[in-house]
Amino acid sequence: MTTQRKNSPNAARRSDASRRAILTAAFDLVQEVGYAKLSIEGIAARAGVGKQTIYRWWPSKGTVLFDAFLMFSEGPDGEPAALPDTGDLEADLKTVLRATVAELNDPRYDEPMRALATEIAHDPELAAAYAERLDGPMKELKKRRLRGAQRAGQLAEDLDLDVAVEMVWGPLLNRWLQRSGPLTPEYADSVVATALNGLRPRRPGH
């Protein structure tokens, strides 16, 4: 009993070290060889573990890459960072969207994110994991910031926050995914201004 208690912390540390090595290997390799050539065998060789070690924790290379992306993109406490709230909604959204532009343009993230987008479109289980562990929590943070703006009288009380989130963040992701135009800070600012100002002409006194 004493021997097991002494060994278990070391075993846990080895397990965590192996997981991090696997995720780091997957994240690095997909940038070097592309997703099509990424393989469990290649990840295992780079990480210095056996294939069965990987399959014990992940069923596919897509799920490995998803966890790798989470490890490299989450905050230090493992949770996504809250959106800034300075009281100036437009300035805060521009700050967030400019940071999104920088991330989407970062070569370290471009290939992993495009690979994940492709896999999510074809793998229902991975899509469900993405919705539960990343997209859902991020949407809640975005809606929380917009809800605060509603309470401050900066947005309409009857605004559909789900639609509002899609209107603000959707154009950036669509332009990035389809490579339909330059993804710049100026474009991010324009998206925020257009979304907040609305599309209809303002009536006098409104």
N, C-alpha and C. Protein backbone atom coordinates (compact mmCIF):
# COMPACT_ATOMS: atom_id res chain seq x y z
N MET A 1 0.83 -1.21 0.00
CA MET A 1 0.00 0.00 0.00
C MET A 1 0.86 1.26 0.00
N THR A 2 1.91 1.26 0.85
CA THR A 2 2.78 2.42 0.93
C THR A 2 3.49 2.66 -0.40
N THR A 3 3.95 1.55 -1.03
CA THR A 3 4.64 1.67 -2.31
C THR A 3 3.73 2.26 -3.37
N GLN A 4 2.45 1.84 -3.40
CA GLN A 4 1.53 2.35 -4.40
C GLN A 4 1.28 3.84 -4.21
N ARG A 5 1.12 4.27 -2.96
CA ARG A 5 0.89 5.68 -2.72
C ARG A 5 2.09 6.52 -3.13
N LYS A 6 3.29 6.01 -2.92
CA LYS A 6 4.49 6.74 -3.31
C LYS A 6 4.63 6.84 -4.82
N ASN A 7 4.23 5.77 -5.51
CA ASN A 7 4.42 5.73 -6.96
C ASN A 7 3.34 6.49 -7.73
N SER A 8 2.14 6.59 -7.18
CA SER A 8 1.04 7.16 -7.95
C SER A 8 1.29 8.61 -8.38
N PRO A 9 1.84 9.49 -7.53
CA PRO A 9 2.13 10.85 -8.04
C PRO A 9 3.09 10.84 -9.21
N ASN A 10 4.13 9.98 -9.14
CA ASN A 10 5.08 9.91 -10.26
C ASN A 10 4.38 9.41 -11.52
N ALA A 11 3.48 8.43 -11.35
CA ALA A 11 2.75 7.91 -12.50
C ALA A 11 1.87 8.99 -13.11
N ALA A 12 1.24 9.78 -12.26
CA ALA A 12 0.38 10.86 -12.75
C ALA A 12 1.21 11.90 -13.51
N ARG A 13 2.40 12.21 -12.98
CA ARG A 13 3.26 13.18 -13.65
C ARG A 13 3.73 12.64 -15.00
N ARG A 14 4.06 11.33 -15.03
CA ARG A 14 4.49 10.73 -16.30
C ARG A 14 3.35 10.76 -17.31
N SER A 15 2.14 10.46 -16.83
CA SER A 15 0.98 10.46 -17.71
C SER A 15 0.73 11.85 -18.27
N ASP A 16 0.81 12.86 -17.41
CA ASP A 16 0.60 14.24 -17.87
C ASP A 16 1.70 14.66 -18.83
N ALA A 17 2.92 14.26 -18.55
CA ALA A 17 4.04 14.60 -19.44
C ALA A 17 3.85 13.95 -20.80
N SER A 18 3.37 12.70 -20.81
CA SER A 18 3.12 12.01 -22.08
C SER A 18 2.02 12.69 -22.87
N ARG A 19 0.94 13.08 -22.20
CA ARG A 19 -0.16 13.75 -22.88
C ARG A 19 0.31 15.07 -23.51
N ARG A 20 1.06 15.83 -22.75
CA ARG A 20 1.54 17.11 -23.27
C ARG A 20 2.50 16.90 -24.44
N ALA A 21 3.33 15.86 -24.35
CA ALA A 21 4.26 15.57 -25.45
C ALA A 21 3.49 15.18 -26.71
N ILE A 22 2.42 14.42 -26.55
CA ILE A 22 1.61 14.00 -27.69
C ILE A 22 0.91 15.21 -28.32
N LEU A 23 0.33 16.05 -27.49
CA LEU A 23 -0.39 17.21 -28.01
C LEU A 23 0.56 18.20 -28.67
N THR A 24 1.73 18.39 -28.09
CA THR A 24 2.72 19.27 -28.69
C THR A 24 3.19 18.71 -30.03
N ALA A 25 3.41 17.40 -30.08
CA ALA A 25 3.85 16.77 -31.32
C ALA A 25 2.80 16.94 -32.42
N ALA A 26 1.52 16.75 -32.06
CA ALA A 26 0.45 16.89 -33.05
C ALA A 26 0.37 18.32 -33.56
N PHE A 27 0.47 19.28 -32.65
CA PHE A 27 0.37 20.69 -33.02
C PHE A 27 1.53 21.10 -33.92
N ASP A 28 2.73 20.62 -33.61
CA ASP A 28 3.91 20.96 -34.41
C ASP A 28 3.88 20.27 -35.78
N LEU A 29 3.51 19.00 -35.76
CA LEU A 29 3.55 18.22 -37.00
C LEU A 29 2.55 18.71 -38.04
N VAL A 30 1.35 19.10 -37.60
CA VAL A 30 0.35 19.51 -38.57
C VAL A 30 0.80 20.77 -39.30
N GLN A 31 1.62 21.58 -38.66
CA GLN A 31 2.15 22.76 -39.34
C GLN A 31 3.27 22.40 -40.32
N GLU A 32 3.96 21.30 -40.03
CA GLU A 32 5.09 20.90 -40.88
C GLU A 32 4.65 20.09 -42.10
N VAL A 33 3.70 19.16 -41.89
CA VAL A 33 3.34 18.23 -42.97
C VAL A 33 1.93 18.42 -43.49
N GLY A 34 1.12 19.23 -42.81
CA GLY A 34 -0.28 19.38 -43.21
C GLY A 34 -1.14 18.29 -42.62
N TYR A 35 -2.43 18.55 -42.57
CA TYR A 35 -3.32 17.59 -41.89
C TYR A 35 -3.44 16.27 -42.64
N ALA A 36 -3.44 16.34 -43.98
CA ALA A 36 -3.61 15.11 -44.77
C ALA A 36 -2.52 14.10 -44.47
N LYS A 37 -1.30 14.57 -44.21
CA LYS A 37 -0.18 13.67 -43.95
C LYS A 37 0.06 13.43 -42.45
N LEU A 38 -0.70 14.11 -41.62
CA LEU A 38 -0.59 13.87 -40.19
C LEU A 38 -1.12 12.49 -39.85
N SER A 39 -0.39 11.74 -39.03
CA SER A 39 -0.81 10.39 -38.68
C SER A 39 -0.54 10.11 -37.22
N ILE A 40 -1.28 9.14 -36.70
CA ILE A 40 -1.05 8.72 -35.31
C ILE A 40 0.37 8.19 -35.17
N GLU A 41 0.84 7.48 -36.19
CA GLU A 41 2.21 6.94 -36.14
C GLU A 41 3.24 8.07 -36.05
N GLY A 42 3.03 9.11 -36.85
CA GLY A 42 3.96 10.23 -36.85
C GLY A 42 3.93 10.98 -35.52
N ILE A 43 2.73 11.15 -34.97
CA ILE A 43 2.61 11.82 -33.67
C ILE A 43 3.31 11.01 -32.60
N ALA A 44 3.09 9.71 -32.62
CA ALA A 44 3.71 8.84 -31.61
C ALA A 44 5.23 8.89 -31.70
N ALA A 45 5.75 8.83 -32.92
CA ALA A 45 7.20 8.87 -33.09
C ALA A 45 7.78 10.19 -32.60
N ARG A 46 7.13 11.31 -32.92
CA ARG A 46 7.61 12.61 -32.50
C ARG A 46 7.54 12.75 -30.97
N ALA A 47 6.49 12.20 -30.37
CA ALA A 47 6.29 12.34 -28.93
C ALA A 47 7.10 11.32 -28.13
N GLY A 48 7.61 10.28 -28.80
CA GLY A 48 8.37 9.25 -28.10
C GLY A 48 7.50 8.31 -27.30
N VAL A 49 6.29 8.03 -27.82
CA VAL A 49 5.37 7.10 -27.15
C VAL A 49 4.90 6.07 -28.16
N GLY A 50 4.23 5.05 -27.67
CA GLY A 50 3.66 4.05 -28.56
C GLY A 50 2.29 4.48 -29.07
N LYS A 51 1.88 3.92 -30.21
CA LYS A 51 0.57 4.27 -30.78
C LYS A 51 -0.56 3.96 -29.81
N GLN A 52 -0.43 2.86 -29.08
CA GLN A 52 -1.50 2.47 -28.17
C GLN A 52 -1.69 3.48 -27.05
N THR A 53 -0.62 4.17 -26.69
CA THR A 53 -0.74 5.23 -25.68
C THR A 53 -1.67 6.31 -26.18
N ILE A 54 -1.54 6.67 -27.45
CA ILE A 54 -2.41 7.69 -28.03
C ILE A 54 -3.84 7.19 -28.13
N TYR A 55 -4.01 5.97 -28.63
CA TYR A 55 -5.36 5.43 -28.80
C TYR A 55 -6.06 5.20 -27.47
N ARG A 56 -5.30 5.10 -26.39
CA ARG A 56 -5.91 4.94 -25.08
C ARG A 56 -6.67 6.21 -24.68
N TRP A 57 -6.22 7.36 -25.20
CA TRP A 57 -6.83 8.63 -24.82
C TRP A 57 -7.66 9.27 -25.93
N TRP A 58 -7.31 8.99 -27.19
CA TRP A 58 -8.00 9.64 -28.31
C TRP A 58 -8.34 8.62 -29.39
N PRO A 59 -9.53 8.72 -29.98
CA PRO A 59 -9.91 7.76 -31.02
C PRO A 59 -9.41 8.09 -32.42
N SER A 60 -8.94 9.32 -32.64
CA SER A 60 -8.55 9.73 -33.99
C SER A 60 -7.57 10.89 -33.92
N LYS A 61 -6.92 11.15 -35.06
CA LYS A 61 -5.97 12.27 -35.09
C LYS A 61 -6.71 13.60 -34.96
N GLY A 62 -7.96 13.65 -35.40
CA GLY A 62 -8.74 14.88 -35.27
C GLY A 62 -8.97 15.25 -33.82
N THR A 63 -9.27 14.26 -32.98
CA THR A 63 -9.50 14.54 -31.57
C THR A 63 -8.19 14.91 -30.86
N VAL A 64 -7.08 14.31 -31.31
CA VAL A 64 -5.77 14.70 -30.75
C VAL A 64 -5.50 16.16 -31.08
N LEU A 65 -5.71 16.53 -32.32
CA LEU A 65 -5.43 17.90 -32.74
C LEU A 65 -6.33 18.89 -32.03
N PHE A 66 -7.59 18.52 -31.80
CA PHE A 66 -8.50 19.40 -31.08
C PHE A 66 -7.99 19.69 -29.67
N ASP A 67 -7.58 18.65 -28.96
CA ASP A 67 -7.04 18.85 -27.62
C ASP A 67 -5.74 19.64 -27.66
N ALA A 68 -4.95 19.43 -28.71
CA ALA A 68 -3.71 20.20 -28.85
C ALA A 68 -4.03 21.67 -29.03
N PHE A 69 -5.01 21.96 -29.87
CA PHE A 69 -5.40 23.34 -30.09
C PHE A 69 -5.89 23.98 -28.80
N LEU A 70 -6.69 23.24 -28.03
CA LEU A 70 -7.17 23.77 -26.76
C LEU A 70 -6.01 24.06 -25.81
N MET A 71 -5.04 23.17 -25.76
CA MET A 71 -3.92 23.34 -24.85
C MET A 71 -3.14 24.61 -25.18
N PHE A 72 -3.00 24.91 -26.46
CA PHE A 72 -2.20 26.07 -26.86
C PHE A 72 -2.99 27.36 -26.90
N SER A 73 -4.32 27.27 -26.86
CA SER A 73 -5.12 28.49 -27.01
C SER A 73 -5.82 28.93 -25.74
N GLU A 74 -5.95 28.05 -24.76
CA GLU A 74 -6.65 28.41 -23.53
C GLU A 74 -5.77 29.26 -22.64
N GLY A 75 -6.42 29.92 -21.69
CA GLY A 75 -5.70 30.72 -20.70
C GLY A 75 -4.96 29.84 -19.73
N PRO A 76 -4.18 30.45 -18.81
CA PRO A 76 -3.37 29.69 -17.87
C PRO A 76 -4.17 28.82 -16.92
N ASP A 77 -5.44 29.17 -16.68
CA ASP A 77 -6.28 28.36 -15.79
C ASP A 77 -7.11 27.35 -16.54
N GLY A 78 -6.85 27.20 -17.86
CA GLY A 78 -7.59 26.23 -18.65
C GLY A 78 -8.93 26.71 -19.13
N GLU A 79 -9.26 27.97 -18.87
CA GLU A 79 -10.55 28.53 -19.29
C GLU A 79 -10.31 29.67 -20.26
N PRO A 80 -11.25 29.86 -21.22
CA PRO A 80 -11.11 31.00 -22.13
C PRO A 80 -11.24 32.31 -21.36
N ALA A 81 -10.49 33.30 -21.78
CA ALA A 81 -10.48 34.58 -21.08
C ALA A 81 -11.77 35.35 -21.34
N ALA A 82 -12.26 36.05 -20.32
CA ALA A 82 -13.46 36.87 -20.47
C ALA A 82 -13.18 38.04 -21.40
N LEU A 83 -14.23 38.52 -22.06
CA LEU A 83 -14.09 39.67 -22.94
C LEU A 83 -13.91 40.94 -22.12
N PRO A 84 -13.14 41.89 -22.63
CA PRO A 84 -12.94 43.13 -21.88
C PRO A 84 -14.25 43.90 -21.71
N ASP A 85 -14.37 44.59 -20.61
CA ASP A 85 -15.55 45.41 -20.36
C ASP A 85 -15.11 46.74 -19.75
N THR A 86 -14.81 47.70 -20.61
CA THR A 86 -14.37 49.02 -20.17
C THR A 86 -15.54 49.99 -20.07
N GLY A 87 -16.72 49.53 -20.49
CA GLY A 87 -17.87 50.42 -20.56
C GLY A 87 -18.10 50.95 -21.96
N ASP A 88 -17.11 50.82 -22.82
CA ASP A 88 -17.21 51.26 -24.22
C ASP A 88 -17.33 50.01 -25.09
N LEU A 89 -18.57 49.65 -25.43
CA LEU A 89 -18.81 48.40 -26.16
C LEU A 89 -18.09 48.37 -27.50
N GLU A 90 -18.17 49.44 -28.26
CA GLU A 90 -17.54 49.44 -29.58
C GLU A 90 -16.03 49.25 -29.48
N ALA A 91 -15.40 49.96 -28.56
CA ALA A 91 -13.95 49.82 -28.39
C ALA A 91 -13.59 48.42 -27.94
N ASP A 92 -14.39 47.85 -27.04
CA ASP A 92 -14.09 46.51 -26.55
C ASP A 92 -14.22 45.47 -27.65
N LEU A 93 -15.27 45.58 -28.47
CA LEU A 93 -15.46 44.62 -29.55
C LEU A 93 -14.36 44.76 -30.60
N LYS A 94 -13.94 45.97 -30.87
CA LYS A 94 -12.84 46.16 -31.83
C LYS A 94 -11.55 45.53 -31.30
N THR A 95 -11.32 45.67 -30.00
CA THR A 95 -10.14 45.04 -29.40
C THR A 95 -10.19 43.53 -29.56
N VAL A 96 -11.36 42.94 -29.29
CA VAL A 96 -11.50 41.49 -29.37
C VAL A 96 -11.38 41.01 -30.81
N LEU A 97 -12.03 41.70 -31.74
CA LEU A 97 -11.98 41.25 -33.13
C LEU A 97 -10.60 41.45 -33.74
N ARG A 98 -9.89 42.50 -33.32
CA ARG A 98 -8.51 42.67 -33.79
C ARG A 98 -7.63 41.52 -33.29
N ALA A 99 -7.86 41.08 -32.05
CA ALA A 99 -7.11 39.95 -31.52
C ALA A 99 -7.47 38.67 -32.28
N THR A 100 -8.74 38.54 -32.66
CA THR A 100 -9.17 37.38 -33.45
C THR A 100 -8.49 37.38 -34.81
N VAL A 101 -8.41 38.55 -35.44
CA VAL A 101 -7.71 38.67 -36.72
C VAL A 101 -6.26 38.24 -36.59
N ALA A 102 -5.61 38.70 -35.53
CA ALA A 102 -4.20 38.34 -35.33
C ALA A 102 -4.04 36.84 -35.16
N GLU A 103 -4.96 36.21 -34.43
CA GLU A 103 -4.87 34.76 -34.23
C GLU A 103 -5.12 34.00 -35.53
N LEU A 104 -6.13 34.42 -36.28
CA LEU A 104 -6.44 33.75 -37.54
C LEU A 104 -5.31 33.90 -38.56
N ASN A 105 -4.57 35.00 -38.47
CA ASN A 105 -3.45 35.23 -39.38
C ASN A 105 -2.14 34.63 -38.89
N ASP A 106 -2.12 34.10 -37.68
CA ASP A 106 -0.90 33.52 -37.10
C ASP A 106 -0.61 32.18 -37.77
N PRO A 107 0.55 32.02 -38.41
CA PRO A 107 0.86 30.76 -39.08
C PRO A 107 0.82 29.54 -38.16
N ARG A 108 1.06 29.75 -36.86
CA ARG A 108 1.02 28.61 -35.93
C ARG A 108 -0.37 28.03 -35.80
N TYR A 109 -1.40 28.86 -35.97
CA TYR A 109 -2.77 28.42 -35.76
C TYR A 109 -3.52 28.15 -37.05
N ASP A 110 -3.06 28.71 -38.16
CA ASP A 110 -3.83 28.63 -39.40
C ASP A 110 -4.09 27.18 -39.82
N GLU A 111 -3.04 26.38 -39.95
CA GLU A 111 -3.22 25.00 -40.40
C GLU A 111 -4.02 24.16 -39.41
N PRO A 112 -3.72 24.21 -38.10
CA PRO A 112 -4.54 23.43 -37.15
C PRO A 112 -6.01 23.82 -37.18
N MET A 113 -6.31 25.12 -37.28
CA MET A 113 -7.70 25.54 -37.26
C MET A 113 -8.43 25.14 -38.54
N ARG A 114 -7.75 25.24 -39.68
CA ARG A 114 -8.40 24.82 -40.93
C ARG A 114 -8.64 23.31 -40.93
N ALA A 115 -7.67 22.56 -40.39
CA ALA A 115 -7.85 21.11 -40.30
C ALA A 115 -9.01 20.76 -39.39
N LEU A 116 -9.12 21.44 -38.27
CA LEU A 116 -10.22 21.18 -37.35
C LEU A 116 -11.56 21.54 -37.98
N ALA A 117 -11.61 22.64 -38.72
CA ALA A 117 -12.85 23.04 -39.37
C ALA A 117 -13.32 21.96 -40.35
N THR A 118 -12.37 21.37 -41.07
CA THR A 118 -12.71 20.30 -42.02
C THR A 118 -13.19 19.06 -41.28
N GLU A 119 -12.49 18.67 -40.23
CA GLU A 119 -12.87 17.47 -39.48
C GLU A 119 -14.21 17.64 -38.78
N ILE A 120 -14.45 18.82 -38.23
CA ILE A 120 -15.71 19.07 -37.53
C ILE A 120 -16.89 18.94 -38.49
N ALA A 121 -16.68 19.33 -39.75
CA ALA A 121 -17.74 19.24 -40.74
C ALA A 121 -18.10 17.80 -41.09
N HIS A 122 -17.17 16.87 -40.84
CA HIS A 122 -17.39 15.47 -41.24
C HIS A 122 -17.49 14.50 -40.07
N ASP A 123 -17.18 14.96 -38.86
CA ASP A 123 -17.16 14.07 -37.70
C ASP A 123 -18.14 14.58 -36.65
N PRO A 124 -19.33 13.97 -36.55
CA PRO A 124 -20.34 14.45 -35.60
C PRO A 124 -19.86 14.43 -34.15
N GLU A 125 -19.08 13.44 -33.77
CA GLU A 125 -18.60 13.37 -32.39
C GLU A 125 -17.62 14.51 -32.09
N LEU A 126 -16.74 14.79 -33.04
CA LEU A 126 -15.82 15.89 -32.86
C LEU A 126 -16.57 17.22 -32.86
N ALA A 127 -17.60 17.33 -33.70
CA ALA A 127 -18.41 18.55 -33.73
C ALA A 127 -19.09 18.77 -32.39
N ALA A 128 -19.58 17.69 -31.79
CA ALA A 128 -20.24 17.80 -30.48
C ALA A 128 -19.24 18.23 -29.41
N ALA A 129 -18.02 17.66 -29.47
CA ALA A 129 -16.99 18.03 -28.50
C ALA A 129 -16.59 19.49 -28.67
N TYR A 130 -16.48 19.93 -29.92
CA TYR A 130 -16.14 21.33 -30.20
C TYR A 130 -17.21 22.27 -29.63
N ALA A 131 -18.47 21.91 -29.85
CA ALA A 131 -19.56 22.75 -29.36
C ALA A 131 -19.57 22.81 -27.84
N GLU A 132 -19.30 21.68 -27.21
CA GLU A 132 -19.37 21.61 -25.74
C GLU A 132 -18.17 22.26 -25.07
N ARG A 133 -17.00 22.05 -25.62
CA ARG A 133 -15.78 22.44 -24.91
C ARG A 133 -15.18 23.77 -25.35
N LEU A 134 -15.53 24.24 -26.56
CA LEU A 134 -14.91 25.47 -27.04
C LEU A 134 -15.94 26.47 -27.55
N ASP A 135 -16.70 26.10 -28.57
CA ASP A 135 -17.60 27.05 -29.20
C ASP A 135 -18.69 27.51 -28.23
N GLY A 136 -19.29 26.57 -27.49
CA GLY A 136 -20.35 26.91 -26.55
C GLY A 136 -19.88 27.86 -25.47
N PRO A 137 -18.80 27.52 -24.75
CA PRO A 137 -18.30 28.45 -23.73
C PRO A 137 -17.92 29.81 -24.28
N MET A 138 -17.31 29.85 -25.48
CA MET A 138 -16.95 31.14 -26.06
C MET A 138 -18.19 31.97 -26.40
N LYS A 139 -19.23 31.32 -26.91
CA LYS A 139 -20.46 32.05 -27.21
C LYS A 139 -21.07 32.64 -25.95
N GLU A 140 -21.01 31.89 -24.86
CA GLU A 140 -21.56 32.39 -23.61
C GLU A 140 -20.80 33.62 -23.13
N LEU A 141 -19.48 33.62 -23.28
CA LEU A 141 -18.69 34.79 -22.90
C LEU A 141 -19.06 36.00 -23.76
N LYS A 142 -19.24 35.77 -25.05
CA LYS A 142 -19.61 36.86 -25.95
C LYS A 142 -21.00 37.40 -25.60
N LYS A 143 -21.94 36.49 -25.35
CA LYS A 143 -23.30 36.91 -24.99
C LYS A 143 -23.31 37.62 -23.65
N ARG A 144 -22.46 37.20 -22.72
CA ARG A 144 -22.39 37.87 -21.42
C ARG A 144 -21.97 39.32 -21.58
N ARG A 145 -20.99 39.56 -22.48
CA ARG A 145 -20.55 40.94 -22.70
C ARG A 145 -21.67 41.76 -23.35
N LEU A 146 -22.37 41.18 -24.32
CA LEU A 146 -23.45 41.89 -24.97
C LEU A 146 -24.62 42.11 -24.01
N ARG A 147 -24.86 41.15 -23.15
CA ARG A 147 -25.94 41.28 -22.16
C ARG A 147 -25.63 42.43 -21.20
N GLY A 148 -24.35 42.58 -20.84
CA GLY A 148 -23.96 43.71 -20.00
C GLY A 148 -24.22 45.03 -20.71
N ALA A 149 -23.99 45.05 -22.03
CA ALA A 149 -24.25 46.26 -22.80
C ALA A 149 -25.76 46.54 -22.86
N GLN A 150 -26.55 45.49 -22.91
CA GLN A 150 -28.00 45.67 -22.86
C GLN A 150 -28.42 46.34 -21.55
N ARG A 151 -27.90 45.84 -20.45
CA ARG A 151 -28.25 46.39 -19.14
C ARG A 151 -27.81 47.86 -19.03
N ALA A 152 -26.73 48.19 -19.74
CA ALA A 152 -26.24 49.57 -19.70
C ALA A 152 -26.97 50.47 -20.70
N GLY A 153 -27.93 49.92 -21.42
CA GLY A 153 -28.69 50.70 -22.38
C GLY A 153 -27.98 50.95 -23.69
N GLN A 154 -26.89 50.18 -23.96
CA GLN A 154 -26.12 50.37 -25.18
C GLN A 154 -26.63 49.50 -26.33
N LEU A 155 -27.46 48.53 -26.03
CA LEU A 155 -28.06 47.67 -27.04
C LEU A 155 -29.55 47.53 -26.74
N ALA A 156 -30.32 47.23 -27.77
CA ALA A 156 -31.76 47.09 -27.60
C ALA A 156 -32.09 45.96 -26.62
N GLU A 157 -33.14 46.16 -25.82
CA GLU A 157 -33.50 45.16 -24.82
C GLU A 157 -33.99 43.87 -25.46
N ASP A 158 -34.61 43.97 -26.64
CA ASP A 158 -35.16 42.78 -27.28
C ASP A 158 -34.21 42.16 -28.30
N LEU A 159 -32.94 42.55 -28.25
CA LEU A 159 -31.95 42.03 -29.20
C LEU A 159 -31.75 40.53 -29.00
N ASP A 160 -31.74 39.78 -30.09
CA ASP A 160 -31.43 38.35 -30.04
C ASP A 160 -29.92 38.22 -29.95
N LEU A 161 -29.43 37.84 -28.79
CA LEU A 161 -27.98 37.82 -28.57
C LEU A 161 -27.28 36.76 -29.40
N ASP A 162 -27.94 35.64 -29.67
CA ASP A 162 -27.32 34.61 -30.51
C ASP A 162 -27.08 35.14 -31.92
N VAL A 163 -28.07 35.83 -32.46
CA VAL A 163 -27.91 36.42 -33.79
C VAL A 163 -26.86 37.52 -33.76
N ALA A 164 -26.85 38.31 -32.69
CA ALA A 164 -25.87 39.39 -32.58
C ALA A 164 -24.45 38.85 -32.58
N VAL A 165 -24.21 37.76 -31.86
CA VAL A 165 -22.88 37.15 -31.84
C VAL A 165 -22.47 36.71 -33.24
N GLU A 166 -23.41 36.11 -33.97
CA GLU A 166 -23.10 35.66 -35.32
C GLU A 166 -22.81 36.85 -36.24
N MET A 167 -23.53 37.95 -36.05
CA MET A 167 -23.31 39.12 -36.90
C MET A 167 -21.95 39.76 -36.66
N VAL A 168 -21.48 39.73 -35.42
CA VAL A 168 -20.21 40.38 -35.10
C VAL A 168 -19.02 39.51 -35.46
N TRP A 169 -19.09 38.22 -35.09
CA TRP A 169 -17.92 37.34 -35.30
C TRP A 169 -17.97 36.56 -36.61
N GLY A 170 -19.16 36.34 -37.13
CA GLY A 170 -19.30 35.51 -38.33
C GLY A 170 -18.54 36.01 -39.55
N PRO A 171 -18.57 37.31 -39.87
CA PRO A 171 -17.87 37.79 -41.07
C PRO A 171 -16.38 37.49 -41.06
N LEU A 172 -15.74 37.61 -39.89
CA LEU A 172 -14.30 37.33 -39.82
C LEU A 172 -14.02 35.87 -40.13
N LEU A 173 -14.77 34.99 -39.49
CA LEU A 173 -14.53 33.56 -39.68
C LEU A 173 -14.84 33.14 -41.11
N ASN A 174 -15.89 33.72 -41.69
CA ASN A 174 -16.24 33.39 -43.07
C ASN A 174 -15.16 33.85 -44.04
N ARG A 175 -14.66 35.08 -43.85
CA ARG A 175 -13.61 35.58 -44.74
C ARG A 175 -12.34 34.76 -44.61
N TRP A 176 -12.01 34.39 -43.37
CA TRP A 176 -10.81 33.57 -43.14
C TRP A 176 -10.96 32.19 -43.76
N LEU A 177 -12.10 31.54 -43.53
CA LEU A 177 -12.29 30.18 -43.99
C LEU A 177 -12.30 30.09 -45.50
N GLN A 178 -12.95 31.05 -46.15
CA GLN A 178 -13.07 31.00 -47.61
C GLN A 178 -11.98 31.78 -48.33
N ARG A 179 -11.09 32.43 -47.56
CA ARG A 179 -10.03 33.24 -48.16
C ARG A 179 -10.61 34.23 -49.17
N SER A 180 -11.72 34.85 -48.79
CA SER A 180 -12.45 35.69 -49.73
C SER A 180 -11.99 37.14 -49.74
N GLY A 181 -11.03 37.49 -48.91
CA GLY A 181 -10.53 38.86 -48.88
C GLY A 181 -9.52 39.01 -47.77
N PRO A 182 -8.84 40.14 -47.73
CA PRO A 182 -7.83 40.35 -46.68
C PRO A 182 -8.47 40.43 -45.30
N LEU A 183 -7.82 39.81 -44.35
CA LEU A 183 -8.31 39.82 -42.97
C LEU A 183 -7.41 40.78 -42.19
N THR A 184 -7.90 41.99 -41.98
CA THR A 184 -7.08 43.05 -41.41
C THR A 184 -7.76 43.66 -40.19
N PRO A 185 -7.00 44.39 -39.36
CA PRO A 185 -7.61 45.11 -38.24
C PRO A 185 -8.66 46.11 -38.72
N GLU A 186 -8.41 46.74 -39.85
CA GLU A 186 -9.36 47.71 -40.38
C GLU A 186 -10.68 47.03 -40.75
N TYR A 187 -10.60 45.82 -41.29
CA TYR A 187 -11.82 45.07 -41.62
C TYR A 187 -12.57 44.73 -40.33
N ALA A 188 -11.85 44.34 -39.30
CA ALA A 188 -12.48 44.04 -38.01
C ALA A 188 -13.21 45.26 -37.48
N ASP A 189 -12.58 46.42 -37.55
CA ASP A 189 -13.22 47.65 -37.08
C ASP A 189 -14.49 47.95 -37.87
N SER A 190 -14.43 47.71 -39.18
CA SER A 190 -15.58 47.97 -40.04
C SER A 190 -16.74 47.04 -39.70
N VAL A 191 -16.43 45.78 -39.41
CA VAL A 191 -17.46 44.82 -39.04
C VAL A 191 -18.17 45.27 -37.76
N VAL A 192 -17.41 45.69 -36.78
CA VAL A 192 -18.00 46.14 -35.51
C VAL A 192 -18.87 47.37 -35.74
N ALA A 193 -18.33 48.35 -36.46
CA ALA A 193 -19.08 49.58 -36.70
C ALA A 193 -20.38 49.30 -37.45
N THR A 194 -20.31 48.45 -38.46
CA THR A 194 -21.50 48.13 -39.25
C THR A 194 -22.53 47.39 -38.42
N ALA A 195 -22.08 46.43 -37.63
CA ALA A 195 -23.00 45.66 -36.79
C ALA A 195 -23.69 46.55 -35.75
N LEU A 196 -22.94 47.44 -35.13
CA LEU A 196 -23.51 48.28 -34.08
C LEU A 196 -24.37 49.41 -34.64
N ASN A 197 -24.00 49.93 -35.80
CA ASN A 197 -24.76 51.03 -36.38
C ASN A 197 -26.02 50.56 -37.10
N GLY A 198 -26.04 49.31 -37.49
CA GLY A 198 -27.18 48.80 -38.23
C GLY A 198 -27.08 49.13 -39.70
N LEU A 199 -28.00 48.58 -40.48
CA LEU A 199 -27.94 48.74 -41.92
C LEU A 199 -28.94 49.78 -42.44
N ARG A 200 -29.95 50.10 -41.66
CA ARG A 200 -30.97 51.04 -42.13
C ARG A 200 -30.58 52.48 -41.82
N PRO A 201 -31.05 53.41 -42.65
CA PRO A 201 -30.80 54.83 -42.33
C PRO A 201 -31.50 55.18 -41.02
N ARG A 202 -30.87 56.04 -40.24
CA ARG A 202 -31.48 56.45 -38.98
C ARG A 202 -32.52 57.54 -39.23
N ARG A 203 -33.64 57.41 -38.54
CA ARG A 203 -34.66 58.43 -38.64
C ARG A 203 -34.30 59.63 -37.77
N PRO A 204 -34.71 60.81 -38.16
CA PRO A 204 -34.41 61.99 -37.35
C PRO A 204 -34.91 61.81 -35.92
N GLY A 205 -34.03 62.13 -34.98
CA GLY A 205 -34.40 62.04 -33.57
C GLY A 205 -34.20 60.66 -32.98
N HIS A 206 -33.62 59.72 -33.78
CA HIS A 206 -33.38 58.37 -33.27
C HIS A 206 -31.89 58.06 -33.36
